[in-house]
All heavy atoms as atom14 arrays in JSON, in Angstrom:
{
  "sequence": "GRLPPGALTLKQFLRRQQVLQLYRKILRALREVPAETDRQYLRDWA",
  "atom14_mask": [
    [1, 1, 1, 1, 0, 0, 0, 0, 0, 0, 0, 0, 0, 0],
    [1, 1, 1, 1, 1, 1, 1, 1, 1, 1, 1, 0, 0, 0],
    [1, 1, 1, 1, 1, 1, 1, 1, 0, 0, 0, 0, 0, 0],
    [1, 1, 1, 1, 1, 1, 1, 0, 0, 0, 0, 0, 0, 0],
    [1, 1, 1, 1, 1, 1, 1, 0, 0, 0, 0, 0, 0, 0],
    [1, 1, 1, 1, 0, 0, 0, 0, 0, 0, 0, 0, 0, 0],
    [1, 1, 1, 1, 1, 0, 0, 0, 0, 0, 0, 0, 0, 0],
    [1, 1, 1, 1, 1, 1, 1, 1, 0, 0, 0, 0, 0, 0],
    [1, 1, 1, 1, 1, 1, 1, 0, 0, 0, 0, 0, 0, 0],
    [1, 1, 1, 1, 1, 1, 1, 1, 0, 0, 0, 0, 0, 0],
    [1, 1, 1, 1, 1, 1, 1, 1, 1, 0, 0, 0, 0, 0],
    [1, 1, 1, 1, 1, 1, 1, 1, 1, 0, 0, 0, 0, 0],
    [1, 1, 1, 1, 1, 1, 1, 1, 1, 1, 1, 0, 0, 0],
    [1, 1, 1, 1, 1, 1, 1, 1, 0, 0, 0, 0, 0, 0],
    [1, 1, 1, 1, 1, 1, 1, 1, 1, 1, 1, 0, 0, 0],
    [1, 1, 1, 1, 1, 1, 1, 1, 1, 1, 1, 0, 0, 0],
    [1, 1, 1, 1, 1, 1, 1, 1, 1, 0, 0, 0, 0, 0],
    [1, 1, 1, 1, 1, 1, 1, 1, 1, 0, 0, 0, 0, 0],
    [1, 1, 1, 1, 1, 1, 1, 0, 0, 0, 0, 0, 0, 0],
    [1, 1, 1, 1, 1, 1, 1, 1, 0, 0, 0, 0, 0, 0],
    [1, 1, 1, 1, 1, 1, 1, 1, 1, 0, 0, 0, 0, 0],
    [1, 1, 1, 1, 1, 1, 1, 1, 0, 0, 0, 0, 0, 0],
    [1, 1, 1, 1, 1, 1, 1, 1, 1, 1, 1, 1, 0, 0],
    [1, 1, 1, 1, 1, 1, 1, 1, 1, 1, 1, 0, 0, 0],
    [1, 1, 1, 1, 1, 1, 1, 1, 1, 0, 0, 0, 0, 0],
    [1, 1, 1, 1, 1, 1, 1, 1, 0, 0, 0, 0, 0, 0],
    [1, 1, 1, 1, 1, 1, 1, 1, 0, 0, 0, 0, 0, 0],
    [1, 1, 1, 1, 1, 1, 1, 1, 1, 1, 1, 0, 0, 0],
    [1, 1, 1, 1, 1, 0, 0, 0, 0, 0, 0, 0, 0, 0],
    [1, 1, 1, 1, 1, 1, 1, 1, 0, 0, 0, 0, 0, 0],
    [1, 1, 1, 1, 1, 1, 1, 1, 1, 1, 1, 0, 0, 0],
    [1, 1, 1, 1, 1, 1, 1, 1, 1, 0, 0, 0, 0, 0],
    [1, 1, 1, 1, 1, 1, 1, 0, 0, 0, 0, 0, 0, 0],
    [1, 1, 1, 1, 1, 1, 1, 0, 0, 0, 0, 0, 0, 0],
    [1, 1, 1, 1, 1, 0, 0, 0, 0, 0, 0, 0, 0, 0],
    [1, 1, 1, 1, 1, 1, 1, 1, 1, 0, 0, 0, 0, 0],
    [1, 1, 1, 1, 1, 1, 1, 0, 0, 0, 0, 0, 0, 0],
    [1, 1, 1, 1, 1, 1, 1, 1, 0, 0, 0, 0, 0, 0],
    [1, 1, 1, 1, 1, 1, 1, 1, 1, 1, 1, 0, 0, 0],
    [1, 1, 1, 1, 1, 1, 1, 1, 1, 0, 0, 0, 0, 0],
    [1, 1, 1, 1, 1, 1, 1, 1, 1, 1, 1, 1, 0, 0],
    [1, 1, 1, 1, 1, 1, 1, 1, 0, 0, 0, 0, 0, 0],
    [1, 1, 1, 1, 1, 1, 1, 1, 1, 1, 1, 0, 0, 0],
    [1, 1, 1, 1, 1, 1, 1, 1, 0, 0, 0, 0, 0, 0],
    [1, 1, 1, 1, 1, 1, 1, 1, 1, 1, 1, 1, 1, 1],
    [1, 1, 1, 1, 1, 0, 0, 0, 0, 0, 0, 0, 0, 0]
  ],
  "atom14_positions": [
    [[-0.26, -1.47, 29.89], [-1.43, -1.76, 29.06], [-2.07, -0.54, 28.44], [-3.03, -0.67, 27.68], [0.0, 0.0, 0.0], [0.0, 0.0, 0.0], [0.0, 0.0, 0.0], [0.0, 0.0, 0.0], [0.0, 0.0, 0.0], [0.0, 0.0, 0.0], [0.0, 0.0, 0.0], [0.0, 0.0, 0.0], [0.0, 0.0, 0.0], [0.0, 0.0, 0.0]],
    [[-1.6, 0.63, 28.75], [-2.18, 1.85, 28.16], [-1.3, 2.35, 27.04], [-0.08, 2.35, 27.15], [-2.34, 2.94, 29.22], [-3.31, 2.53, 30.29], [-4.04, 3.62, 30.99], [-4.02, 4.92, 30.43], [-5.09, 5.53, 29.89], [-6.23, 4.9, 29.81], [-5.02, 6.76, 29.45], [0.0, 0.0, 0.0], [0.0, 0.0, 0.0], [0.0, 0.0, 0.0]],
    [[-1.94, 2.75, 25.96], [-1.21, 3.26, 24.81], [-1.25, 4.78, 24.81], [-2.24, 5.38, 25.24], [-1.86, 2.75, 23.51], [-1.8, 1.25, 23.28], [-2.65, 0.88, 22.07], [-0.37, 0.81, 23.06], [0.0, 0.0, 0.0], [0.0, 0.0, 0.0], [0.0, 0.0, 0.0], [0.0, 0.0, 0.0], [0.0, 0.0, 0.0], [0.0, 0.0, 0.0]],
    [[-0.19, 5.4, 24.34], [-0.23, 6.86, 24.22], [-1.29, 7.26, 23.19], [-1.62, 6.48, 22.29], [1.17, 7.23, 23.75], [1.78, 5.98, 23.26], [1.06, 4.84, 23.89], [0.0, 0.0, 0.0], [0.0, 0.0, 0.0], [0.0, 0.0, 0.0], [0.0, 0.0, 0.0], [0.0, 0.0, 0.0], [0.0, 0.0, 0.0], [0.0, 0.0, 0.0]],
    [[-1.83, 8.46, 23.32], [-2.84, 8.9, 22.34], [-2.29, 8.84, 20.92], [-1.15, 9.22, 20.67], [-3.12, 10.36, 22.74], [-2.61, 10.48, 24.14], [-1.54, 9.45, 24.32], [0.0, 0.0, 0.0], [0.0, 0.0, 0.0], [0.0, 0.0, 0.0], [0.0, 0.0, 0.0], [0.0, 0.0, 0.0], [0.0, 0.0, 0.0], [0.0, 0.0, 0.0]],
    [[-3.08, 8.33, 20.01], [-2.67, 8.25, 18.61], [-1.9, 7.0, 18.26], [-1.59, 6.77, 17.1], [0.0, 0.0, 0.0], [0.0, 0.0, 0.0], [0.0, 0.0, 0.0], [0.0, 0.0, 0.0], [0.0, 0.0, 0.0], [0.0, 0.0, 0.0], [0.0, 0.0, 0.0], [0.0, 0.0, 0.0], [0.0, 0.0, 0.0], [0.0, 0.0, 0.0]],
    [[-1.57, 6.17, 19.24], [-0.83, 4.93, 18.96], [-1.79, 3.9, 18.38], [-2.97, 3.86, 18.72], [-0.2, 4.4, 20.24], [0.0, 0.0, 0.0], [0.0, 0.0, 0.0], [0.0, 0.0, 0.0], [0.0, 0.0, 0.0], [0.0, 0.0, 0.0], [0.0, 0.0, 0.0], [0.0, 0.0, 0.0], [0.0, 0.0, 0.0], [0.0, 0.0, 0.0]],
    [[-1.28, 3.06, 17.5], [-2.08, 2.02, 16.89], [-2.14, 0.8, 17.8], [-1.15, 0.45, 18.44], [-1.47, 1.6, 15.55], [-1.39, 2.65, 14.46], [-0.66, 2.08, 13.25], [-2.76, 3.14, 14.07], [0.0, 0.0, 0.0], [0.0, 0.0, 0.0], [0.0, 0.0, 0.0], [0.0, 0.0, 0.0], [0.0, 0.0, 0.0], [0.0, 0.0, 0.0]],
    [[-3.29, 0.15, 17.8], [-3.38, -1.13, 18.48], [-2.65, -2.16, 17.63], [-2.33, -1.89, 16.46], [-4.84, -1.58, 18.67], [-5.41, -1.8, 17.38], [-5.64, -0.54, 19.44], [0.0, 0.0, 0.0], [0.0, 0.0, 0.0], [0.0, 0.0, 0.0], [0.0, 0.0, 0.0], [0.0, 0.0, 0.0], [0.0, 0.0, 0.0], [0.0, 0.0, 0.0]],
    [[-2.41, -3.33, 18.18], [-1.73, -4.38, 17.41], [-2.54, -4.74, 16.17], [-1.99, -4.89, 15.08], [-1.51, -5.62, 18.28], [-0.87, -6.81, 17.57], [0.51, -6.43, 17.04], [-0.78, -8.0, 18.5], [0.0, 0.0, 0.0], [0.0, 0.0, 0.0], [0.0, 0.0, 0.0], [0.0, 0.0, 0.0], [0.0, 0.0, 0.0], [0.0, 0.0, 0.0]],
    [[-3.85, -4.84, 16.33], [-4.72, -5.19, 15.21], [-4.64, -4.12, 14.11], [-4.54, -4.42, 12.92], [-6.16, -5.33, 15.7], [-7.09, -5.97, 14.74], [-8.43, -6.22, 15.42], [-9.3, -7.12, 14.58], [-10.56, -7.44, 15.24], [0.0, 0.0, 0.0], [0.0, 0.0, 0.0], [0.0, 0.0, 0.0], [0.0, 0.0, 0.0], [0.0, 0.0, 0.0]],
    [[-4.66, -2.85, 14.5], [-4.56, -1.75, 13.53], [-3.2, -1.75, 12.86], [-3.09, -1.51, 11.65], [-4.79, -0.41, 14.22], [-6.21, -0.18, 14.68], [-6.32, 1.05, 15.57], [-5.4, 1.39, 16.31], [-7.46, 1.71, 15.49], [0.0, 0.0, 0.0], [0.0, 0.0, 0.0], [0.0, 0.0, 0.0], [0.0, 0.0, 0.0], [0.0, 0.0, 0.0]],
    [[-2.16, -2.02, 13.62], [-0.81, -2.06, 13.07], [-0.69, -3.16, 12.02], [-0.16, -2.95, 10.93], [0.21, -2.28, 14.19], [1.61, -2.44, 13.69], [2.36, -1.33, 13.34], [2.19, -3.7, 13.56], [3.66, -1.46, 12.87], [3.48, -3.85, 13.09], [4.22, -2.73, 12.74], [0.0, 0.0, 0.0], [0.0, 0.0, 0.0], [0.0, 0.0, 0.0]],
    [[-1.21, -4.35, 12.34], [-1.15, -5.47, 11.39], [-1.97, -5.18, 10.14], [-1.55, -5.52, 9.03], [-1.61, -6.76, 12.07], [-0.68, -7.27, 13.18], [-1.31, -8.46, 13.89], [0.69, -7.59, 12.66], [0.0, 0.0, 0.0], [0.0, 0.0, 0.0], [0.0, 0.0, 0.0], [0.0, 0.0, 0.0], [0.0, 0.0, 0.0], [0.0, 0.0, 0.0]],
    [[-3.13, -4.58, 10.3], [-3.97, -4.23, 9.15], [-3.24, -3.21, 8.28], [-3.26, -3.28, 7.05], [-5.31, -3.69, 9.64], [-6.33, -3.54, 8.59], [-6.83, -4.85, 8.05], [-7.55, -5.6, 9.06], [-7.68, -6.92, 9.03], [-7.17, -7.63, 8.06], [-8.32, -7.54, 9.97], [0.0, 0.0, 0.0], [0.0, 0.0, 0.0], [0.0, 0.0, 0.0]],
    [[-2.59, -2.24, 8.91], [-1.82, -1.22, 8.17], [-0.72, -1.88, 7.35], [-0.47, -1.52, 6.21], [-1.25, -0.21, 9.14], [-0.48, 0.92, 8.47], [-0.02, 1.94, 9.49], [0.57, 3.08, 8.85], [1.87, 3.16, 8.53], [2.69, 2.16, 8.8], [2.34, 4.24, 7.93], [0.0, 0.0, 0.0], [0.0, 0.0, 0.0], [0.0, 0.0, 0.0]],
    [[-0.06, -2.86, 7.95], [0.99, -3.59, 7.24], [0.44, -4.32, 6.03], [1.07, -4.37, 4.98], [1.71, -4.56, 8.18], [2.49, -3.88, 9.27], [3.48, -2.86, 8.74], [4.29, -3.15, 7.88], [3.38, -1.64, 9.23], [0.0, 0.0, 0.0], [0.0, 0.0, 0.0], [0.0, 0.0, 0.0], [0.0, 0.0, 0.0], [0.0, 0.0, 0.0]],
    [[-0.77, -4.89, 6.16], [-1.41, -5.56, 5.03], [-1.68, -4.58, 3.89], [-1.45, -4.9, 2.73], [-2.74, -6.18, 5.45], [-2.62, -7.46, 6.22], [-4.01, -8.0, 6.54], [-4.83, -7.32, 7.13], [-4.25, -9.22, 6.13], [0.0, 0.0, 0.0], [0.0, 0.0, 0.0], [0.0, 0.0, 0.0], [0.0, 0.0, 0.0], [0.0, 0.0, 0.0]],
    [[-2.15, -3.4, 4.25], [-2.47, -2.38, 3.24], [-1.19, -1.94, 2.53], [-1.15, -1.86, 1.29], [-3.19, -1.17, 3.88], [-3.31, -0.01, 2.9], [-4.56, -1.59, 4.39], [0.0, 0.0, 0.0], [0.0, 0.0, 0.0], [0.0, 0.0, 0.0], [0.0, 0.0, 0.0], [0.0, 0.0, 0.0], [0.0, 0.0, 0.0], [0.0, 0.0, 0.0]],
    [[-0.14, -1.68, 3.29], [1.12, -1.25, 2.68], [1.71, -2.34, 1.79], [2.25, -2.06, 0.72], [2.12, -0.85, 3.77], [1.78, 0.42, 4.54], [2.74, 0.61, 5.7], [1.76, 1.63, 3.64], [0.0, 0.0, 0.0], [0.0, 0.0, 0.0], [0.0, 0.0, 0.0], [0.0, 0.0, 0.0], [0.0, 0.0, 0.0], [0.0, 0.0, 0.0]],
    [[1.59, -3.58, 2.23], [2.09, -4.7, 1.43], [1.33, -4.81, 0.11], [1.93, -5.01, -0.95], [1.96, -6.0, 2.23], [2.5, -7.2, 1.51], [2.33, -8.47, 2.33], [1.37, -8.62, 3.06], [3.28, -9.37, 2.2], [0.0, 0.0, 0.0], [0.0, 0.0, 0.0], [0.0, 0.0, 0.0], [0.0, 0.0, 0.0], [0.0, 0.0, 0.0]],
    [[0.02, -4.64, 0.17], [-0.8, -4.67, -1.04], [-0.39, -3.54, -1.99], [-0.23, -3.75, -3.19], [-2.28, -4.56, -0.69], [-3.25, -4.44, -1.86], [-3.17, -5.67, -2.77], [-4.67, -4.23, -1.35], [0.0, 0.0, 0.0], [0.0, 0.0, 0.0], [0.0, 0.0, 0.0], [0.0, 0.0, 0.0], [0.0, 0.0, 0.0], [0.0, 0.0, 0.0]],
    [[-0.19, -2.34, -1.45], [0.2, -1.18, -2.26], [1.53, -1.46, -2.97], [1.67, -1.23, -4.17], [0.29, 0.05, -1.37], [0.57, 1.33, -2.13], [-0.35, 1.86, -3.02], [1.76, 2.02, -1.94], [-0.1, 3.03, -3.71], [2.02, 3.2, -2.61], [1.09, 3.69, -3.5], [1.35, 4.85, -4.18], [0.0, 0.0, 0.0], [0.0, 0.0, 0.0]],
    [[2.49, -2.0, -2.23], [3.8, -2.3, -2.82], [3.69, -3.36, -3.91], [4.33, -3.26, -4.97], [4.78, -2.78, -1.75], [5.29, -1.65, -0.89], [6.39, -2.15, 0.04], [6.32, -1.43, 1.28], [5.87, -1.92, 2.44], [5.49, -3.17, 2.53], [5.82, -1.18, 3.51], [0.0, 0.0, 0.0], [0.0, 0.0, 0.0], [0.0, 0.0, 0.0]],
    [[2.87, -4.39, -3.67], [2.68, -5.44, -4.67], [2.07, -4.88, -5.94], [2.45, -5.26, -7.05], [1.78, -6.55, -4.12], [2.46, -7.47, -3.15], [1.47, -8.53, -2.68], [2.1, -9.48, -1.69], [1.12, -10.5, -1.24], [0.0, 0.0, 0.0], [0.0, 0.0, 0.0], [0.0, 0.0, 0.0], [0.0, 0.0, 0.0], [0.0, 0.0, 0.0]],
    [[1.1, -3.98, -5.79], [0.47, -3.36, -6.95], [1.5, -2.56, -7.74], [1.59, -2.67, -8.96], [-0.73, -2.49, -6.53], [-1.87, -3.38, -6.03], [-1.19, -1.59, -7.68], [-3.02, -2.63, -5.4], [0.0, 0.0, 0.0], [0.0, 0.0, 0.0], [0.0, 0.0, 0.0], [0.0, 0.0, 0.0], [0.0, 0.0, 0.0], [0.0, 0.0, 0.0]],
    [[2.29, -1.74, -7.04], [3.29, -0.94, -7.74], [4.32, -1.82, -8.44], [4.75, -1.51, -9.56], [3.98, 0.02, -6.76], [3.1, 1.15, -6.22], [3.92, 2.04, -5.28], [2.47, 1.96, -7.32], [0.0, 0.0, 0.0], [0.0, 0.0, 0.0], [0.0, 0.0, 0.0], [0.0, 0.0, 0.0], [0.0, 0.0, 0.0], [0.0, 0.0, 0.0]],
    [[4.71, -2.93, -7.82], [5.66, -3.85, -8.47], [5.04, -4.48, -9.72], [5.71, -4.61, -10.74], [6.09, -4.94, -7.5], [7.17, -4.5, -6.56], [7.74, -5.67, -5.77], [8.13, -5.19, -4.47], [7.51, -5.46, -3.33], [6.48, -6.26, -3.31], [7.94, -4.95, -2.21], [0.0, 0.0, 0.0], [0.0, 0.0, 0.0], [0.0, 0.0, 0.0]],
    [[3.77, -4.86, -9.62], [3.1, -5.46, -10.77], [2.99, -4.46, -11.91], [3.1, -4.81, -13.08], [1.72, -5.97, -10.37], [0.0, 0.0, 0.0], [0.0, 0.0, 0.0], [0.0, 0.0, 0.0], [0.0, 0.0, 0.0], [0.0, 0.0, 0.0], [0.0, 0.0, 0.0], [0.0, 0.0, 0.0], [0.0, 0.0, 0.0], [0.0, 0.0, 0.0]],
    [[2.79, -3.19, -11.58], [2.63, -2.17, -12.62], [3.92, -1.93, -13.39], [3.88, -1.44, -14.51], [2.13, -0.85, -12.01], [0.7, -0.89, -11.47], [0.34, 0.44, -10.82], [-0.29, -1.24, -12.56], [0.0, 0.0, 0.0], [0.0, 0.0, 0.0], [0.0, 0.0, 0.0], [0.0, 0.0, 0.0], [0.0, 0.0, 0.0], [0.0, 0.0, 0.0]],
    [[5.04, -2.3, -12.84], [6.31, -2.18, -13.57], [6.31, -3.03, -14.83], [7.05, -2.77, -15.76], [7.48, -2.61, -12.69], [7.76, -1.71, -11.54], [8.94, -2.24, -10.76], [9.01, -1.62, -9.45], [9.68, -2.13, -8.42], [10.35, -3.26, -8.57], [9.7, -1.52, -7.27], [0.0, 0.0, 0.0], [0.0, 0.0, 0.0], [0.0, 0.0, 0.0]],
    [[5.48, -4.08, -14.83], [5.42, -5.01, -15.95], [4.53, -4.52, -17.09], [4.53, -5.11, -18.17], [4.91, -6.37, -15.48], [5.73, -6.99, -14.36], [7.15, -7.26, -14.77], [7.37, -7.73, -15.91], [8.06, -7.0, -13.95], [0.0, 0.0, 0.0], [0.0, 0.0, 0.0], [0.0, 0.0, 0.0], [0.0, 0.0, 0.0], [0.0, 0.0, 0.0]],
    [[3.77, -3.45, -16.85], [2.9, -2.92, -17.91], [3.78, -2.35, -19.0], [4.63, -1.48, -18.73], [1.93, -1.85, -17.35], [1.13, -1.19, -18.45], [1.01, -2.48, -16.31], [0.0, 0.0, 0.0], [0.0, 0.0, 0.0], [0.0, 0.0, 0.0], [0.0, 0.0, 0.0], [0.0, 0.0, 0.0], [0.0, 0.0, 0.0], [0.0, 0.0, 0.0]],
    [[3.62, -2.81, -20.24], [4.56, -2.42, -21.3], [4.48, -0.95, -21.72], [5.51, -0.32, -21.94], [4.22, -3.34, -22.47], [2.91, -3.95, -22.15], [2.67, -3.81, -20.69], [0.0, 0.0, 0.0], [0.0, 0.0, 0.0], [0.0, 0.0, 0.0], [0.0, 0.0, 0.0], [0.0, 0.0, 0.0], [0.0, 0.0, 0.0], [0.0, 0.0, 0.0]],
    [[3.29, -0.4, -21.82], [3.15, 0.98, -22.31], [3.3, 1.98, -21.17], [2.61, 1.88, -20.14], [1.79, 1.16, -22.98], [0.0, 0.0, 0.0], [0.0, 0.0, 0.0], [0.0, 0.0, 0.0], [0.0, 0.0, 0.0], [0.0, 0.0, 0.0], [0.0, 0.0, 0.0], [0.0, 0.0, 0.0], [0.0, 0.0, 0.0], [0.0, 0.0, 0.0]],
    [[4.18, 2.94, -21.34], [4.46, 3.93, -20.3], [3.2, 4.71, -19.92], [2.96, 4.97, -18.74], [5.56, 4.89, -20.76], [5.85, 6.02, -19.79], [6.34, 5.53, -18.43], [7.06, 4.52, -18.38], [6.01, 6.17, -17.42], [0.0, 0.0, 0.0], [0.0, 0.0, 0.0], [0.0, 0.0, 0.0], [0.0, 0.0, 0.0], [0.0, 0.0, 0.0]],
    [[2.38, 5.09, -20.91], [1.17, 5.87, -20.6], [0.2, 5.04, -19.77], [-0.4, 5.54, -18.81], [0.47, 6.36, -21.88], [0.23, 5.25, -22.74], [1.32, 7.39, -22.6], [0.0, 0.0, 0.0], [0.0, 0.0, 0.0], [0.0, 0.0, 0.0], [0.0, 0.0, 0.0], [0.0, 0.0, 0.0], [0.0, 0.0, 0.0], [0.0, 0.0, 0.0]],
    [[0.04, 3.76, -20.11], [-0.83, 2.88, -19.33], [-0.29, 2.69, -17.92], [-1.03, 2.7, -16.94], [-0.99, 1.52, -20.01], [-1.74, 1.6, -21.31], [-2.46, 2.6, -21.54], [-1.6, 0.67, -22.13], [0.0, 0.0, 0.0], [0.0, 0.0, 0.0], [0.0, 0.0, 0.0], [0.0, 0.0, 0.0], [0.0, 0.0, 0.0], [0.0, 0.0, 0.0]],
    [[1.02, 2.5, -17.83], [1.67, 2.31, -16.53], [1.44, 3.53, -15.64], [1.08, 3.4, -14.47], [3.16, 2.05, -16.75], [3.87, 1.6, -15.53], [5.29, 1.11, -15.78], [6.04, 1.87, -16.77], [6.44, 1.38, -17.94], [6.15, 0.16, -18.3], [7.13, 2.12, -18.77], [0.0, 0.0, 0.0], [0.0, 0.0, 0.0], [0.0, 0.0, 0.0]],
    [[1.61, 4.72, -16.22], [1.43, 5.96, -15.44], [-0.03, 6.13, -15.03], [-0.31, 6.51, -13.89], [1.89, 7.18, -16.26], [1.86, 8.47, -15.48], [2.79, 8.44, -14.28], [3.92, 7.97, -14.36], [2.32, 8.93, -13.14], [0.0, 0.0, 0.0], [0.0, 0.0, 0.0], [0.0, 0.0, 0.0], [0.0, 0.0, 0.0], [0.0, 0.0, 0.0]],
    [[-0.95, 5.83, -15.94], [-2.38, 5.93, -15.63], [-2.74, 5.0, -14.47], [-3.42, 5.4, -13.51], [-3.23, 5.59, -16.85], [-4.7, 5.47, -16.54], [-5.49, 6.6, -16.4], [-5.27, 4.22, -16.36], [-6.84, 6.49, -16.09], [-6.62, 4.1, -16.04], [-7.4, 5.23, -15.91], [-8.72, 5.11, -15.59], [0.0, 0.0, 0.0], [0.0, 0.0, 0.0]],
    [[-2.28, 3.76, -14.54], [-2.59, 2.78, -13.49], [-1.93, 3.14, -12.17], [-2.51, 2.96, -11.1], [-2.18, 1.38, -13.94], [-3.03, 0.8, -15.07], [-2.39, -0.47, -15.62], [-4.44, 0.53, -14.6], [0.0, 0.0, 0.0], [0.0, 0.0, 0.0], [0.0, 0.0, 0.0], [0.0, 0.0, 0.0], [0.0, 0.0, 0.0], [0.0, 0.0, 0.0]],
    [[-0.72, 3.66, -12.23], [-0.02, 4.08, -11.0], [-0.78, 5.22, -10.33], [-0.99, 5.21, -9.12], [1.41, 4.5, -11.34], [2.27, 4.73, -10.12], [3.7, 5.12, -10.47], [4.34, 4.17, -11.37], [4.91, 4.51, -12.53], [4.93, 5.76, -12.93], [5.47, 3.59, -13.28], [0.0, 0.0, 0.0], [0.0, 0.0, 0.0], [0.0, 0.0, 0.0]],
    [[-1.22, 6.19, -11.14], [-1.99, 7.32, -10.6], [-3.31, 6.84, -10.03], [-3.75, 7.3, -8.97], [-2.24, 8.37, -11.68], [-0.97, 9.1, -12.09], [0.04, 9.03, -11.35], [-0.98, 9.74, -13.15], [0.0, 0.0, 0.0], [0.0, 0.0, 0.0], [0.0, 0.0, 0.0], [0.0, 0.0, 0.0], [0.0, 0.0, 0.0], [0.0, 0.0, 0.0]],
    [[-3.96, 5.89, -10.72], [-5.23, 5.35, -10.24], [-5.04, 4.67, -8.89], [-5.8, 4.9, -7.94], [-5.79, 4.37, -11.27], [-6.97, 3.62, -10.76], [-8.26, 4.06, -10.69], [-6.97, 2.31, -10.2], [-9.05, 3.09, -10.14], [-8.28, 2.0, -9.83], [-5.97, 1.36, -10.0], [-8.63, 0.79, -9.25], [-6.32, 0.14, -9.42], [-7.63, -0.12, -9.07]],
    [[-4.01, 3.83, -8.77], [-3.76, 3.12, -7.52], [-3.47, 4.11, -6.4], [-4.02, 3.99, -5.29], [-2.6, 2.15, -7.69], [0.0, 0.0, 0.0], [0.0, 0.0, 0.0], [0.0, 0.0, 0.0], [0.0, 0.0, 0.0], [0.0, 0.0, 0.0], [0.0, 0.0, 0.0], [0.0, 0.0, 0.0], [0.0, 0.0, 0.0], [0.0, 0.0, 0.0]]
  ]
}
């Protein structure tokens, strides 16, 4: 029942997965932006 120092709890791990999933979805959606400059701006912003 004890975690090593720095280990994530299950709740933290699941929340981290949600954040990473959101980041990936945003990057995938940005592939659809037609203008390269807009796409790069939005990617940098995200």
